[in-house]
Amino acid sequence: MNATLLGSLILAVPAVIIAWAALWRRHRPVFWGTLALIAVGLGYLVATGAARDIGLQFGGTPALTAAPAR
């Protein structure tokens, strides 16, 4: 599994579960707003490379790159 995807899942799944447990029954519009904020925050972490670092810490494999041409 890609390290960035693994890091994104590690960050997003608990946040969505907590938001669902706290907000789904009583405050549905707030829940949807919370999901939007989670998506924005996750996008920022992916763009800065933090999600990849987290994925590598938890067992992701770095992407293989081709050797430079000589």
PDB file of N, CA and C in Angstrom:
ATOM      1  N   MET A   1       0.846  -1.170   0.000  1.00  0.00           N
ATOM      2  CA  MET A   1       0.000   0.000   0.000  1.00  0.00           C
ATOM      3  C   MET A   1       0.894   1.236   0.000  1.00  0.00           C
ATOM      4  N   ASN A   2       0.481   2.228  -0.726  1.00  0.00           N
ATOM      5  CA  ASN A   2       1.209   3.479  -0.827  1.00  0.00           C
ATOM      6  C   ASN A   2       1.294   4.143   0.555  1.00  0.00           C
ATOM      7  N   ALA A   3       2.437   4.700   0.896  1.00  0.00           N
ATOM      8  CA  ALA A   3       2.623   5.311   2.212  1.00  0.00           C
ATOM      9  C   ALA A   3       1.721   6.522   2.409  1.00  0.00           C
ATOM     10  N   THR A   4       1.479   7.295   1.367  1.00  0.00           N
ATOM     11  CA  THR A   4       0.604   8.457   1.485  1.00  0.00           C
ATOM     12  C   THR A   4      -0.828   8.020   1.757  1.00  0.00           C
ATOM     13  N   LEU A   5      -1.284   6.987   1.068  1.00  0.00           N
ATOM     14  CA  LEU A   5      -2.630   6.478   1.290  1.00  0.00           C
ATOM     15  C   LEU A   5      -2.771   5.900   2.695  1.00  0.00           C
ATOM     16  N   LEU A   6      -1.778   5.165   3.141  1.00  0.00           N
ATOM     17  CA  LEU A   6      -1.809   4.595   4.479  1.00  0.00           C
ATOM     18  C   LEU A   6      -1.851   5.698   5.536  1.00  0.00           C
ATOM     19  N   GLY A   7      -1.025   6.710   5.389  1.00  0.00           N
ATOM     20  CA  GLY A   7      -1.035   7.825   6.332  1.00  0.00           C
ATOM     21  C   GLY A   7      -2.350   8.573   6.324  1.00  0.00           C
ATOM     22  N   SER A   8      -2.941   8.739   5.151  1.00  0.00           N
ATOM     23  CA  SER A   8      -4.237   9.405   5.053  1.00  0.00           C
ATOM     24  C   SER A   8      -5.323   8.607   5.764  1.00  0.00           C
ATOM     25  N   LEU A   9      -5.304   7.306   5.590  1.00  0.00           N
ATOM     26  CA  LEU A   9      -6.288   6.467   6.273  1.00  0.00           C
ATOM     27  C   LEU A   9      -6.105   6.488   7.781  1.00  0.00           C
ATOM     28  N   ILE A  10      -4.865   6.460   8.229  1.00  0.00           N
ATOM     29  CA  ILE A  10      -4.584   6.500   9.663  1.00  0.00           C
ATOM     30  C   ILE A  10      -5.103   7.788  10.275  1.00  0.00           C
ATOM     31  N   LEU A  11      -5.030   8.875   9.545  1.00  0.00           N
ATOM     32  CA  LEU A  11      -5.497  10.161  10.057  1.00  0.00           C
ATOM     33  C   LEU A  11      -7.004  10.345   9.907  1.00  0.00           C
ATOM     34  N   ALA A  12      -7.574   9.914   8.800  1.00  0.00           N
ATOM     35  CA  ALA A  12      -8.966  10.226   8.492  1.00  0.00           C
ATOM     36  C   ALA A  12      -9.966   9.311   9.190  1.00  0.00           C
ATOM     37  N   VAL A  13      -9.692   8.034   9.251  1.00  0.00           N
ATOM     38  CA  VAL A  13     -10.683   7.090   9.774  1.00  0.00           C
ATOM     39  C   VAL A  13     -11.060   7.394  11.227  1.00  0.00           C
ATOM     40  N   PRO A  14     -10.116   7.572  12.140  1.00  0.00           N
ATOM     41  CA  PRO A  14     -10.527   7.897  13.507  1.00  0.00           C
ATOM     42  C   PRO A  14     -11.272   9.228  13.609  1.00  0.00           C
ATOM     43  N   ALA A  15     -10.861  10.217  12.820  1.00  0.00           N
ATOM     44  CA  ALA A  15     -11.527  11.515  12.864  1.00  0.00           C
ATOM     45  C   ALA A  15     -12.977  11.405  12.395  1.00  0.00           C
ATOM     46  N   VAL A  16     -13.217  10.651  11.337  1.00  0.00           N
ATOM     47  CA  VAL A  16     -14.579  10.484  10.830  1.00  0.00           C
ATOM     48  C   VAL A  16     -15.432   9.684  11.815  1.00  0.00           C
ATOM     49  N   ILE A  17     -14.861   8.661  12.423  1.00  0.00           N
ATOM     50  CA  ILE A  17     -15.614   7.863  13.399  1.00  0.00           C
ATOM     51  C   ILE A  17     -16.006   8.709  14.602  1.00  0.00           C
ATOM     52  N   ILE A  18     -15.088   9.510  15.094  1.00  0.00           N
ATOM     53  CA  ILE A  18     -15.393  10.376  16.241  1.00  0.00           C
ATOM     54  C   ILE A  18     -16.452  11.404  15.859  1.00  0.00           C
ATOM     55  N   ALA A  19     -16.339  11.993  14.680  1.00  0.00           N
ATOM     56  CA  ALA A  19     -17.333  12.977  14.233  1.00  0.00           C
ATOM     57  C   ALA A  19     -18.698  12.320  14.080  1.00  0.00           C
ATOM     58  N   TRP A  20     -18.736  11.132  13.520  1.00  0.00           N
ATOM     59  CA  TRP A  20     -20.005  10.435  13.344  1.00  0.00           C
ATOM     60  C   TRP A  20     -20.646  10.112  14.690  1.00  0.00           C
ATOM     61  N   ALA A  21     -19.843   9.605  15.634  1.00  0.00           N
ATOM     62  CA  ALA A  21     -20.382   9.231  16.942  1.00  0.00           C
ATOM     63  C   ALA A  21     -20.896  10.448  17.709  1.00  0.00           C
ATOM     64  N   ALA A  22     -20.243  11.577  17.546  1.00  0.00           N
ATOM     65  CA  ALA A  22     -20.614  12.755  18.324  1.00  0.00           C
ATOM     66  C   ALA A  22     -21.717  13.583  17.677  1.00  0.00           C
ATOM     67  N   LEU A  23     -21.819  13.564  16.335  1.00  0.00           N
ATOM     68  CA  LEU A  23     -22.669  14.549  15.674  1.00  0.00           C
ATOM     69  C   LEU A  23     -23.773  13.989  14.798  1.00  0.00           C
ATOM     70  N   TRP A  24     -23.777  12.730  14.435  1.00  0.00           N
ATOM     71  CA  TRP A  24     -24.701  12.248  13.404  1.00  0.00           C
ATOM     72  C   TRP A  24     -26.168  12.371  13.806  1.00  0.00           C
ATOM     73  N   ARG A  25     -26.535  11.985  15.020  1.00  0.00           N
ATOM     74  CA  ARG A  25     -27.944  11.943  15.409  1.00  0.00           C
ATOM     75  C   ARG A  25     -28.538  13.317  15.684  1.00  0.00           C
ATOM     76  N   ARG A  26     -27.781  14.197  16.278  1.00  0.00           N
ATOM     77  CA  ARG A  26     -28.350  15.476  16.703  1.00  0.00           C
ATOM     78  C   ARG A  26     -28.036  16.634  15.781  1.00  0.00           C
ATOM     79  N   HIS A  27     -26.845  16.684  15.252  1.00  0.00           N
ATOM     80  CA  HIS A  27     -26.390  17.845  14.494  1.00  0.00           C
ATOM     81  C   HIS A  27     -25.851  17.428  13.131  1.00  0.00           C
ATOM     82  N   ARG A  28     -26.728  16.977  12.250  1.00  0.00           N
ATOM     83  CA  ARG A  28     -26.274  16.503  10.940  1.00  0.00           C
ATOM     84  C   ARG A  28     -25.576  17.566  10.109  1.00  0.00           C
ATOM     85  N   PRO A  29     -26.070  18.797  10.040  1.00  0.00           N
ATOM     86  CA  PRO A  29     -25.331  19.801   9.244  1.00  0.00           C
ATOM     87  C   PRO A  29     -23.926  20.064   9.793  1.00  0.00           C
ATOM     88  N   VAL A  30     -23.784  20.016  11.096  1.00  0.00           N
ATOM     89  CA  VAL A  30     -22.461  20.202  11.694  1.00  0.00           C
ATOM     90  C   VAL A  30     -21.566  19.018  11.349  1.00  0.00           C
ATOM     91  N   PHE A  31     -22.134  17.831  11.302  1.00  0.00           N
ATOM     92  CA  PHE A  31     -21.371  16.647  10.909  1.00  0.00           C
ATOM     93  C   PHE A  31     -20.811  16.809   9.499  1.00  0.00           C
ATOM     94  N   TRP A  32     -21.664  17.253   8.552  1.00  0.00           N
ATOM     95  CA  TRP A  32     -21.201  17.425   7.174  1.00  0.00           C
ATOM     96  C   TRP A  32     -20.142  18.523   7.088  1.00  0.00           C
ATOM     97  N   GLY A  33     -20.284  19.583   7.869  1.00  0.00           N
ATOM     98  CA  GLY A  33     -19.254  20.617   7.907  1.00  0.00           C
ATOM     99  C   GLY A  33     -17.952  20.091   8.474  1.00  0.00           C
ATOM    100  N   THR A  34     -18.073  19.239   9.482  1.00  0.00           N
ATOM    101  CA  THR A  34     -16.878  18.625  10.072  1.00  0.00           C
ATOM    102  C   THR A  34     -16.159  17.740   9.057  1.00  0.00           C
ATOM    103  N   LEU A  35     -16.921  16.989   8.260  1.00  0.00           N
ATOM    104  CA  LEU A  35     -16.299  16.169   7.221  1.00  0.00           C
ATOM    105  C   LEU A  35     -15.558  17.029   6.208  1.00  0.00           C
ATOM    106  N   ALA A  36     -16.128  18.178   5.878  1.00  0.00           N
ATOM    107  CA  ALA A  36     -15.452  19.078   4.945  1.00  0.00           C
ATOM    108  C   ALA A  36     -14.140  19.586   5.536  1.00  0.00           C
ATOM    109  N   LEU A  37     -14.157  19.924   6.812  1.00  0.00           N
ATOM    110  CA  LEU A  37     -12.924  20.395   7.454  1.00  0.00           C
ATOM    111  C   LEU A  37     -11.889  19.275   7.561  1.00  0.00           C
ATOM    112  N   ILE A  38     -12.331  18.057   7.807  1.00  0.00           N
ATOM    113  CA  ILE A  38     -11.406  16.917   7.838  1.00  0.00           C
ATOM    114  C   ILE A  38     -10.767  16.737   6.459  1.00  0.00           C
ATOM    115  N   ALA A  39     -11.555  16.876   5.396  1.00  0.00           N
ATOM    116  CA  ALA A  39     -11.028  16.730   4.039  1.00  0.00           C
ATOM    117  C   ALA A  39     -10.010  17.822   3.720  1.00  0.00           C
ATOM    118  N   VAL A  40     -10.293  19.052   4.131  1.00  0.00           N
ATOM    119  CA  VAL A  40      -9.350  20.151   3.884  1.00  0.00           C
ATOM    120  C   VAL A  40      -8.051  19.924   4.656  1.00  0.00           C
ATOM    121  N   GLY A  41      -8.167  19.543   5.912  1.00  0.00           N
ATOM    122  CA  GLY A  41      -6.975  19.282   6.720  1.00  0.00           C
ATOM    123  C   GLY A  41      -6.161  18.118   6.180  1.00  0.00           C
ATOM    124  N   LEU A  42      -6.848  17.087   5.732  1.00  0.00           N
ATOM    125  CA  LEU A  42      -6.152  15.930   5.164  1.00  0.00           C
ATOM    126  C   LEU A  42      -5.456  16.307   3.865  1.00  0.00           C
ATOM    127  N   GLY A  43      -6.101  17.132   3.058  1.00  0.00           N
ATOM    128  CA  GLY A  43      -5.467  17.601   1.827  1.00  0.00           C
ATOM    129  C   GLY A  43      -4.209  18.392   2.102  1.00  0.00           C
ATOM    130  N   TYR A  44      -4.248  19.217   3.137  1.00  0.00           N
ATOM    131  CA  TYR A  44      -3.056  19.981   3.518  1.00  0.00           C
ATOM    132  C   TYR A  44      -1.932  19.040   3.943  1.00  0.00           C
ATOM    133  N   LEU A  45      -2.256  18.030   4.741  1.00  0.00           N
ATOM    134  CA  LEU A  45      -1.231  17.102   5.204  1.00  0.00           C
ATOM    135  C   LEU A  45      -0.645  16.279   4.054  1.00  0.00           C
ATOM    136  N   VAL A  46      -1.467  15.935   3.082  1.00  0.00           N
ATOM    137  CA  VAL A  46      -0.962  15.215   1.904  1.00  0.00           C
ATOM    138  C   VAL A  46      -0.069  16.132   1.080  1.00  0.00           C
ATOM    139  N   ALA A  47      -0.481  17.392   0.919  1.00  0.00           N
ATOM    140  CA  ALA A  47       0.294  18.330   0.100  1.00  0.00           C
ATOM    141  C   ALA A  47       1.652  18.640   0.710  1.00  0.00           C
ATOM    142  N   THR A  48       1.744  18.661   2.023  1.00  0.00           N
ATOM    143  CA  THR A  48       3.017  18.967   2.672  1.00  0.00           C
ATOM    144  C   THR A  48       3.891  17.735   2.898  1.00  0.00           C
ATOM    145  N   GLY A  49       3.345  16.544   2.652  1.00  0.00           N
ATOM    146  CA  GLY A  49       4.127  15.318   2.811  1.00  0.00           C
ATOM    147  C   GLY A  49       4.035  14.701   4.189  1.00  0.00           C
ATOM    148  N   ALA A  50       3.261  15.280   5.083  1.00  0.00           N
ATOM    149  CA  ALA A  50       3.148  14.742   6.433  1.00  0.00           C
ATOM    150  C   ALA A  50       2.419  13.401   6.444  1.00  0.00           C
ATOM    151  N   ALA A  51       1.430  13.230   5.584  1.00  0.00           N
ATOM    152  CA  ALA A  51       0.706  11.953   5.524  1.00  0.00           C
ATOM    153  C   ALA A  51       1.640  10.832   5.084  1.00  0.00           C
ATOM    154  N   ARG A  52       2.546  11.116   4.171  1.00  0.00           N
ATOM    155  CA  ARG A  52       3.515  10.104   3.725  1.00  0.00           C
ATOM    156  C   ARG A  52       4.456   9.731   4.860  1.00  0.00           C
ATOM    157  N   ASP A  53       4.904  10.722   5.629  1.00  0.00           N
ATOM    158  CA  ASP A  53       5.781  10.442   6.767  1.00  0.00           C
ATOM    159  C   ASP A  53       5.083   9.559   7.799  1.00  0.00           C
ATOM    160  N   ILE A  54       3.827   9.843   8.062  1.00  0.00           N
ATOM    161  CA  ILE A  54       3.063   9.027   9.019  1.00  0.00           C
ATOM    162  C   ILE A  54       2.884   7.619   8.468  1.00  0.00           C
ATOM    163  N   GLY A  55       2.587   7.493   7.185  1.00  0.00           N
ATOM    164  CA  GLY A  55       2.445   6.178   6.572  1.00  0.00           C
ATOM    165  C   GLY A  55       3.727   5.374   6.623  1.00  0.00           C
ATOM    166  N   LEU A  56       4.856   6.029   6.428  1.00  0.00           N
ATOM    167  CA  LEU A  56       6.144   5.323   6.506  1.00  0.00           C
ATOM    168  C   LEU A  56       6.450   4.872   7.931  1.00  0.00           C
ATOM    169  N   GLN A  57       6.045   5.643   8.926  1.00  0.00           N
ATOM    170  CA  GLN A  57       6.277   5.248  10.314  1.00  0.00           C
ATOM    171  C   GLN A  57       5.477   4.005  10.685  1.00  0.00           C
ATOM    172  N   PHE A  58       4.308   3.825  10.072  1.00  0.00           N
ATOM    173  CA  PHE A  58       3.445   2.709  10.428  1.00  0.00           C
ATOM    174  C   PHE A  58       3.545   1.551   9.455  1.00  0.00           C
ATOM    175  N   GLY A  59       4.576   1.485   8.667  1.00  0.00           N
ATOM    176  CA  GLY A  59       4.835   0.297   7.879  1.00  0.00           C
ATOM    177  C   GLY A  59       4.591   0.388   6.403  1.00  0.00           C
ATOM    178  N   GLY A  60       4.388   1.562   5.874  1.00  0.00           N
ATOM    179  CA  GLY A  60       4.243   1.691   4.428  1.00  0.00           C
ATOM    180  C   GLY A  60       5.594   1.522   3.755  1.00  0.00           C
ATOM    181  N   THR A  61       5.575   1.177   2.511  1.00  0.00           N
ATOM    182  CA  THR A  61       6.823   1.041   1.785  1.00  0.00           C
ATOM    183  C   THR A  61       7.023   2.270   0.909  1.00  0.00           C
ATOM    184  N   PRO A  62       8.217   2.796   0.856  1.00  0.00           N
ATOM    185  CA  PRO A  62       8.454   3.949  -0.017  1.00  0.00           C
ATOM    186  C   PRO A  62       8.283   3.559  -1.478  1.00  0.00           C
ATOM    187  N   ALA A  63       7.831   4.489  -2.270  1.00  0.00           N
ATOM    188  CA  ALA A  63       7.616   4.233  -3.688  1.00  0.00           C
ATOM    189  C   ALA A  63       8.949   3.977  -4.374  1.00  0.00           C
ATOM    190  N   LEU A  64       8.974   3.004  -5.256  1.00  0.00           N
ATOM    191  CA  LEU A  64      10.187   2.710  -5.999  1.00  0.00           C
ATOM    192  C   LEU A  64      10.338   3.707  -7.134  1.00  0.00           C
ATOM    193  N   THR A  65      11.532   4.221  -7.291  1.00  0.00           N
ATOM    194  CA  THR A  65      11.788   5.159  -8.379  1.00  0.00           C
ATOM    195  C   THR A  65      12.838   4.560  -9.301  1.00  0.00           C
ATOM    196  N   ALA A  66      12.796   4.959 -10.531  1.00  0.00           N
ATOM    197  CA  ALA A  66      13.750   4.449 -11.514  1.00  0.00           C
ATOM    198  C   ALA A  66      15.130   5.075 -11.253  1.00  0.00           C
ATOM    199  N   ALA A  67      16.148   4.345 -11.581  1.00  0.00           N
ATOM    200  CA  ALA A  67      17.501   4.858 -11.442  1.00  0.00           C
ATOM    201  C   ALA A  67      17.719   5.972 -12.464  1.00  0.00           C
ATOM    202  N   PRO A  68      18.495   6.970 -12.106  1.00  0.00           N
ATOM    203  CA  PRO A  68      18.741   8.059 -13.059  1.00  0.00           C
ATOM    204  C   PRO A  68      19.504   7.554 -14.298  1.00  0.00           C
ATOM    205  N   ALA A  69      19.192   8.128 -15.433  1.00  0.00           N
ATOM    206  CA  ALA A  69      19.851   7.734 -16.682  1.00  0.00           C
ATOM    207  C   ALA A  69      21.277   8.266 -16.697  1.00  0.00           C
ATOM    208  N   ARG A  70      22.164   7.493 -17.311  1.00  0.00           N
ATOM    209  CA  ARG A  70      23.560   7.927 -17.377  1.00  0.00           C
ATOM    210  C   ARG A  70      23.895   8.439 -18.720  1.00  0.00           C
TER     211      ARG A  70
END
